[in-house]
Amino acid sequence: MDTIRRHIQSYTKARTGSATVHFLYPTFFMTAIIFAIAVTTGNDVSYVRLETSAATVEAGSRFTVDVYAYAHVPVNAVDITLRFDSAAVEVLEVDRGQSVLTIWTEDPVIEKDRVILRGGTFRRGFIKEHKIASIDLKAKQTGQSDFKATDVMLLAGDGAGTPVSVAEALDSAVSLYIYDENTSPESIGVDVNVKILTDLDGDGKVTLKDISAFMSSWHTKDKMYDFNGDGRMSFRDFSIILATFFF
């Protein structure tokens, strides 16, 4: 962390220096970012990814959220809890027709504010990314709402049920924007474009200034920098702000 902070400070000073230094530091810093992202989001971890058919939807309309799991080692058992705001959306059903899971310990559980998916596969299990289920929903209340994977357990098909390391993926949650006849998708879209979780100074984009603010608060562990919602400022949050800056 101290090393990266020094790079940020050096880059800031370099902006007032020679053209050569101004060119070299951004190049060096981008290399550091690429390395950090490779370390924290490489192929040695698994994750759950959500994908929605419509991020902006009219109240009363139906849409889907697809649940995918990526396994970096063979996984033969999956336990995923998805949470949502029951005032904003209603879960109608869970479609398992294209699921990689062939044995379900129980039918998908649909409760007031969560969906639980538990199942497995024969033999050693699956590897790489596969669909787990499609959630069919109906939009209810206007405004912004989130549908996210909060508890994920993947078990290796190694005969010992070894837990598989699971990363906090940037897209383990989807943001939904529900509108009605009194609002418009266009007006909601303007708000979406400027609302970036890791945009700390509110200028509509993630810059070195935001990363520097994050680094300055690293030792105090300020919860305002908790981007993944686990209640604490951690190295995962560092990975998230780097990824949003780079991409």
Protein backbone atom coordinates (compact mmCIF):
# COMPACT_ATOMS: atom_id res chain seq x y z
CA MET A 1 0.00 0.00 0.00
CA ASP A 2 2.82 2.43 0.93
CA THR A 3 4.53 1.70 -2.37
CA ILE A 4 1.41 2.47 -4.40
CA ARG A 5 0.78 5.61 -2.34
CA ARG A 6 4.30 6.81 -3.21
CA HIS A 7 3.58 6.19 -6.90
CA ILE A 8 0.41 8.29 -6.65
CA GLN A 9 2.28 11.12 -4.89
CA SER A 10 5.07 10.94 -7.45
CA TYR A 11 2.55 11.08 -10.27
CA THR A 12 0.92 14.18 -8.76
CA LYS A 13 4.28 15.95 -8.47
CA ALA A 14 5.24 14.88 -11.96
CA ARG A 15 2.30 16.78 -13.44
CA THR A 16 4.22 20.00 -12.76
CA GLY A 17 7.56 18.62 -13.91
CA SER A 18 9.12 17.86 -17.28
CA ALA A 19 7.23 16.32 -20.16
CA THR A 20 9.40 13.20 -19.89
CA VAL A 21 8.55 12.61 -16.24
CA HIS A 22 4.91 13.43 -16.95
CA PHE A 23 4.87 10.61 -19.50
CA LEU A 24 6.80 8.00 -17.55
CA TYR A 25 4.85 8.07 -14.28
CA PRO A 26 1.41 7.41 -15.78
CA THR A 27 2.94 4.47 -17.67
CA PHE A 28 4.54 3.10 -14.52
CA PHE A 29 1.38 3.63 -12.48
CA MET A 30 -0.80 1.85 -15.06
CA THR A 31 1.62 -1.09 -14.91
CA ALA A 32 1.22 -1.17 -11.12
CA ILE A 33 -2.56 -1.14 -11.49
CA ILE A 34 -2.51 -3.99 -14.01
CA PHE A 35 -0.34 -6.02 -11.62
CA ALA A 36 -2.62 -5.31 -8.65
CA ILE A 37 -5.73 -6.32 -10.57
CA ALA A 38 -4.03 -9.50 -11.78
CA VAL A 39 -3.16 -10.40 -8.19
CA THR A 40 -6.62 -9.74 -6.77
CA THR A 41 -8.84 -10.92 -9.64
CA GLY A 42 -6.72 -13.56 -11.35
CA ASN A 43 -7.72 -17.07 -12.42
CA ASP A 44 -6.97 -18.56 -9.01
CA VAL A 45 -10.35 -17.63 -7.53
CA SER A 46 -13.98 -18.43 -8.29
CA TYR A 47 -16.90 -16.02 -8.26
CA VAL A 48 -20.63 -15.56 -8.82
CA ARG A 49 -21.79 -13.13 -11.50
CA LEU A 50 -25.26 -11.65 -12.05
CA GLU A 51 -26.63 -10.38 -15.35
CA THR A 52 -29.98 -8.68 -15.90
CA SER A 53 -32.12 -8.52 -19.03
CA ALA A 54 -33.10 -4.90 -18.24
CA ALA A 55 -31.33 -2.56 -15.82
CA THR A 56 -34.03 0.07 -16.42
CA VAL A 57 -37.57 -1.33 -16.26
CA GLU A 58 -41.10 0.03 -16.02
CA ALA A 59 -43.12 -0.71 -12.88
CA GLY A 60 -45.35 -3.71 -13.50
CA SER A 61 -43.05 -5.19 -16.16
CA ARG A 62 -41.26 -8.51 -15.93
CA PHE A 63 -37.50 -9.02 -16.32
CA THR A 64 -34.88 -11.62 -15.45
CA VAL A 65 -31.64 -11.85 -13.52
CA ASP A 66 -29.31 -14.66 -14.61
CA VAL A 67 -26.99 -16.20 -12.04
CA TYR A 68 -23.62 -17.54 -13.20
CA ALA A 69 -20.80 -19.22 -11.30
CA TYR A 70 -17.18 -19.31 -12.40
CA ALA A 71 -15.08 -22.16 -10.98
CA HIS A 72 -11.30 -22.11 -11.25
CA VAL A 73 -11.17 -25.70 -9.95
CA PRO A 74 -13.84 -28.41 -10.37
CA VAL A 75 -16.87 -27.53 -8.22
CA ASN A 76 -19.63 -30.07 -7.54
CA ALA A 77 -21.78 -28.28 -4.93
CA VAL A 78 -23.14 -24.73 -4.83
CA ASP A 79 -24.96 -22.74 -2.13
CA ILE A 80 -25.91 -19.18 -3.17
CA THR A 81 -28.10 -16.66 -1.36
CA LEU A 82 -29.46 -13.74 -3.39
CA ARG A 83 -30.99 -10.73 -1.64
CA PHE A 84 -33.37 -8.10 -2.95
CA ASP A 85 -35.79 -5.40 -1.80
CA SER A 86 -39.23 -7.03 -1.72
CA ALA A 87 -40.88 -3.59 -1.79
CA ALA A 88 -39.23 -2.85 -5.15
CA VAL A 89 -39.38 -6.23 -6.93
CA GLU A 90 -41.28 -9.50 -6.69
CA VAL A 91 -39.70 -12.87 -7.45
CA LEU A 92 -42.12 -14.85 -9.62
CA GLU A 93 -40.17 -18.04 -10.26
CA VAL A 94 -36.74 -19.61 -10.65
CA ASP A 95 -35.92 -21.23 -14.00
CA ARG A 96 -33.43 -24.12 -13.76
CA GLY A 97 -33.83 -25.37 -17.33
CA GLN A 98 -30.30 -24.39 -18.43
CA SER A 99 -28.58 -24.89 -15.10
CA VAL A 100 -25.24 -26.65 -14.80
CA LEU A 101 -26.60 -28.13 -11.57
CA THR A 102 -28.23 -31.52 -12.12
CA ILE A 103 -29.11 -32.44 -8.53
CA TRP A 104 -30.92 -29.98 -6.24
CA THR A 105 -30.88 -30.68 -2.51
CA GLU A 106 -34.14 -28.71 -2.40
CA ASP A 107 -36.23 -26.60 -4.73
CA PRO A 108 -35.05 -22.98 -4.91
CA VAL A 109 -36.24 -21.19 -1.78
CA ILE A 110 -38.08 -17.91 -2.36
CA GLU A 111 -38.53 -15.92 0.83
CA LYS A 112 -39.52 -12.32 1.56
CA ASP A 113 -36.20 -10.75 0.60
CA ARG A 114 -34.00 -13.59 -0.60
CA VAL A 115 -33.65 -16.52 -2.97
CA ILE A 116 -31.58 -19.55 -1.97
CA LEU A 117 -30.06 -21.86 -4.61
CA ARG A 118 -28.57 -25.18 -3.42
CA GLY A 119 -27.52 -28.01 -5.68
CA GLY A 120 -24.73 -30.02 -7.21
CA THR A 121 -23.43 -32.02 -10.17
CA PHE A 122 -22.25 -35.57 -10.77
CA ARG A 123 -18.60 -36.63 -10.81
CA ARG A 124 -15.92 -34.02 -10.10
CA GLY A 125 -18.12 -31.06 -10.98
CA PHE A 126 -17.92 -28.14 -13.40
CA ILE A 127 -15.12 -25.73 -14.24
CA LYS A 128 -15.13 -22.24 -15.80
CA GLU A 129 -18.37 -20.22 -16.06
CA HIS A 130 -21.82 -21.81 -16.16
CA LYS A 131 -25.39 -20.70 -15.55
CA ILE A 132 -26.89 -21.64 -12.20
CA ALA A 133 -30.41 -20.30 -12.67
CA SER A 134 -32.54 -17.50 -14.12
CA ILE A 135 -34.68 -15.49 -11.70
CA ASP A 136 -37.96 -14.19 -13.15
CA LEU A 137 -39.06 -10.94 -11.47
CA LYS A 138 -41.64 -8.18 -11.67
CA ALA A 139 -40.83 -4.52 -10.98
CA LYS A 140 -43.06 -2.93 -8.34
CA GLN A 141 -41.87 0.30 -6.72
CA THR A 142 -40.16 3.13 -8.59
CA GLY A 143 -36.60 4.11 -7.73
CA GLN A 144 -33.24 2.38 -7.48
CA SER A 145 -32.88 -1.12 -6.10
CA ASP A 146 -30.20 -3.82 -5.95
CA PHE A 147 -30.32 -7.56 -6.52
CA LYS A 148 -27.13 -9.18 -5.25
CA ALA A 149 -25.36 -12.37 -4.20
CA THR A 150 -24.54 -11.96 -0.52
CA ASP A 151 -23.61 -15.46 0.66
CA VAL A 152 -21.78 -17.85 -1.65
CA MET A 153 -20.31 -21.27 -0.92
CA LEU A 154 -18.69 -23.40 -3.60
CA LEU A 155 -17.33 -26.84 -2.73
CA ALA A 156 -14.68 -28.71 -4.68
CA GLY A 157 -15.42 -32.11 -6.19
CA ASP A 158 -12.29 -33.54 -4.57
CA GLY A 159 -14.01 -36.11 -2.38
CA ALA A 160 -13.43 -34.00 0.73
CA GLY A 161 -15.88 -31.15 0.15
CA THR A 162 -13.11 -28.57 0.32
CA PRO A 163 -14.37 -24.95 0.27
CA VAL A 164 -13.28 -23.09 -2.87
CA SER A 165 -11.96 -19.54 -2.56
CA VAL A 166 -14.59 -17.10 -3.80
CA ALA A 167 -13.79 -13.55 -4.89
CA GLU A 168 -16.07 -10.54 -4.54
CA ALA A 169 -16.88 -9.92 -8.19
CA LEU A 170 -17.69 -6.41 -9.38
CA ASP A 171 -20.84 -7.77 -11.00
CA SER A 172 -22.04 -9.97 -8.12
CA ALA A 173 -24.86 -7.40 -7.88
CA VAL A 174 -27.06 -5.63 -10.41
CA SER A 175 -28.62 -2.20 -9.95
CA LEU A 176 -32.20 -1.86 -11.08
CA TYR A 177 -33.91 1.43 -11.98
CA ILE A 178 -37.70 1.24 -11.94
CA TYR A 179 -39.84 3.99 -13.47
CA ASP A 180 -43.56 4.65 -14.09
CA GLU A 181 -45.71 7.12 -16.03
CA ASN A 182 -44.55 9.96 -13.76
CA THR A 183 -40.86 9.38 -14.55
CA SER A 184 -38.89 8.49 -17.64
CA PRO A 185 -36.03 6.07 -18.34
CA GLU A 186 -34.03 8.98 -19.77
CA SER A 187 -34.17 10.99 -16.54
CA ILE A 188 -33.23 7.92 -14.52
CA GLY A 189 -30.37 7.20 -16.90
CA VAL A 190 -28.81 10.59 -16.13
CA ASP A 191 -28.69 9.71 -12.45
CA VAL A 192 -27.21 6.29 -13.23
CA ASN A 193 -24.37 7.74 -15.25
CA VAL A 194 -23.15 9.98 -12.43
CA LYS A 195 -23.74 7.56 -9.54
CA ILE A 196 -20.55 5.52 -9.30
CA LEU A 197 -19.88 3.85 -5.96
CA THR A 198 -16.12 4.42 -6.11
CA ASP A 199 -16.42 8.02 -7.35
CA LEU A 200 -15.45 9.50 -4.00
CA ASP A 201 -15.37 13.17 -4.99
CA GLY A 202 -18.62 13.03 -6.97
CA ASP A 203 -17.24 14.29 -10.28
CA GLY A 204 -18.88 11.47 -12.25
CA LYS A 205 -15.75 9.39 -12.81
CA VAL A 206 -13.09 7.44 -10.90
CA THR A 207 -9.69 9.15 -11.06
CA LEU A 208 -6.32 9.09 -9.32
CA LYS A 209 -7.76 11.62 -6.88
CA ASP A 210 -10.32 9.03 -5.69
CA ILE A 211 -7.63 6.35 -5.37
CA SER A 212 -5.42 8.76 -3.41
CA ALA A 213 -8.30 9.50 -1.00
CA PHE A 214 -8.82 5.77 -0.53
CA MET A 215 -5.12 5.21 0.19
CA SER A 216 -5.00 8.10 2.68
CA SER A 217 -7.72 6.42 4.74
CA TRP A 218 -6.30 2.89 4.52
CA HIS A 219 -5.00 2.76 8.10
CA THR A 220 -8.14 4.25 9.64
CA LYS A 221 -10.35 1.69 7.82
CA ASP A 222 -13.16 4.20 7.23
CA LYS A 223 -16.39 2.35 6.38
CA MET A 224 -17.28 4.92 3.73
CA TYR A 225 -14.77 3.04 1.55
CA ASP A 226 -16.63 -0.27 1.97
CA PHE A 227 -17.59 -0.85 -1.66
CA ASN A 228 -18.59 -4.52 -1.46
CA GLY A 229 -20.98 -4.13 1.47
CA ASP A 230 -19.25 -6.47 3.94
CA GLY A 231 -19.17 -3.79 6.66
CA ARG A 232 -15.45 -3.02 6.54
CA MET A 233 -12.77 -1.41 4.41
CA SER A 234 -10.58 -4.20 3.08
CA PHE A 235 -8.20 -5.21 0.29
CA ARG A 236 -11.22 -6.31 -1.75
CA ASP A 237 -12.39 -2.68 -1.75
CA PHE A 238 -8.93 -1.69 -2.99
CA SER A 239 -9.32 -4.14 -5.87
CA ILE A 240 -12.77 -2.71 -6.69
CA ILE A 241 -11.66 0.92 -6.91
CA LEU A 242 -8.64 -0.06 -9.01
CA ALA A 243 -10.82 -2.04 -11.39
CA THR A 244 -13.35 0.77 -11.83
CA PHE A 245 -10.53 3.25 -12.44
CA PHE A 246 -8.81 1.03 -15.02
CA PHE A 247 -11.88 -0.11 -16.92
